[in-house]
Amino acid sequence: MANPILRQRLASKEFFVIPGVQDMIAAVIADKVGFDVIYGTGYWVTASAHGLPDAGIATYTQMVDRMATLARTSKAALMADGDTGYGGLLNVHHTVRGYEDAGVTCIQLEDQEFPKKCGHTPYKRLISQEDMVRKIQVACEARRDKENFLIIARTDARQSEGMDGTLRRLEAYVEAGADIVFPEALTSEEEMAKACSTFEKPVMANMANGGLTPVPNASVLKDVGYAYAIYPSLTSLVAAKAMEDALINLKEKGIGEPEELFNFKEFCEMIGFDEVWAFEEKWAES
């Protein structure tokens, strides 16, 4: 059974923000801060787990395993990137079932050719609108929990077909049964407002730091009309910068105990060492 919190959030029509999580450390930190929905980001999960670019290289098997670990680790509802469904219609059916069984609450599918590319990088190529409609129809039929497991339809048409093509495709995907629409890589607040005003279905924003889309304050996105915004790269890029700074200081200055560190004892507790220690006290031999 998918976590109902995302459906409930959307029904309330109150704007909310969702952090991207690339690994289990990010997942437990998001729990600590109090996020009840997280985003399993394809780009950053692939980079974190496999050191590979988001270019369709990571397989379905690798991704569903990683999403299952995220779902098991986090208390939050997990929204997960399903790329193109990893192939044709049978692959889409298998991907939706696999993600749902893994504990995912919502799957994102996009209309690129397989293998796909990150939406904020060049050389993206699209499948036909008709082929993507069939993928959405298959995804909607494949899910077992028709109420709480949600389908996001993403289009990468903005760079090749403009806003008209973007809206035309998303309208078709809504008719096919998509619960949420995702116009990727919009380039201005005017385009964002146009997308949000076009659909009665929830529209999501992708705030990819360093990408093609501007990243205004969340209050602006709320006013524009988005249902929610994901921040897929935020934790990864912040962590990468902090690691680089710490390693430079270690290499150049010998500083191995910087002023700003997460508390080690608290981190041990967050990942479950308290249970290990309790087990040892009960069962370990003297």
Foldseek 3Di string as FASTA:
>chain_A
DADQVVVVLLVVLAEEEAEADQALVSQLVCVVVPDQEHEPDQQRVCCVVPVDGLQQPDALVRQLVRLLVSQVRHNHAYEYECEQCRDAQVSLLVSLVSNVVSRHQEYEHEFWDPPAHPLQDDDTHGDDLVRLLSSLLSSCVSDPPNRGYFYEYEYSCCVPPNLVVQQVSQVSNVVSPHQEYEYPQDADLVSLLVNQVSDPHAYEAEQEPPGRYDDDPVVSSVVSHHRYYYHNCVVVVVVVVVVVVQVVCCVPPVDPDDPDDDDPVVVCVSRPVVVVVVCCVVDPDD
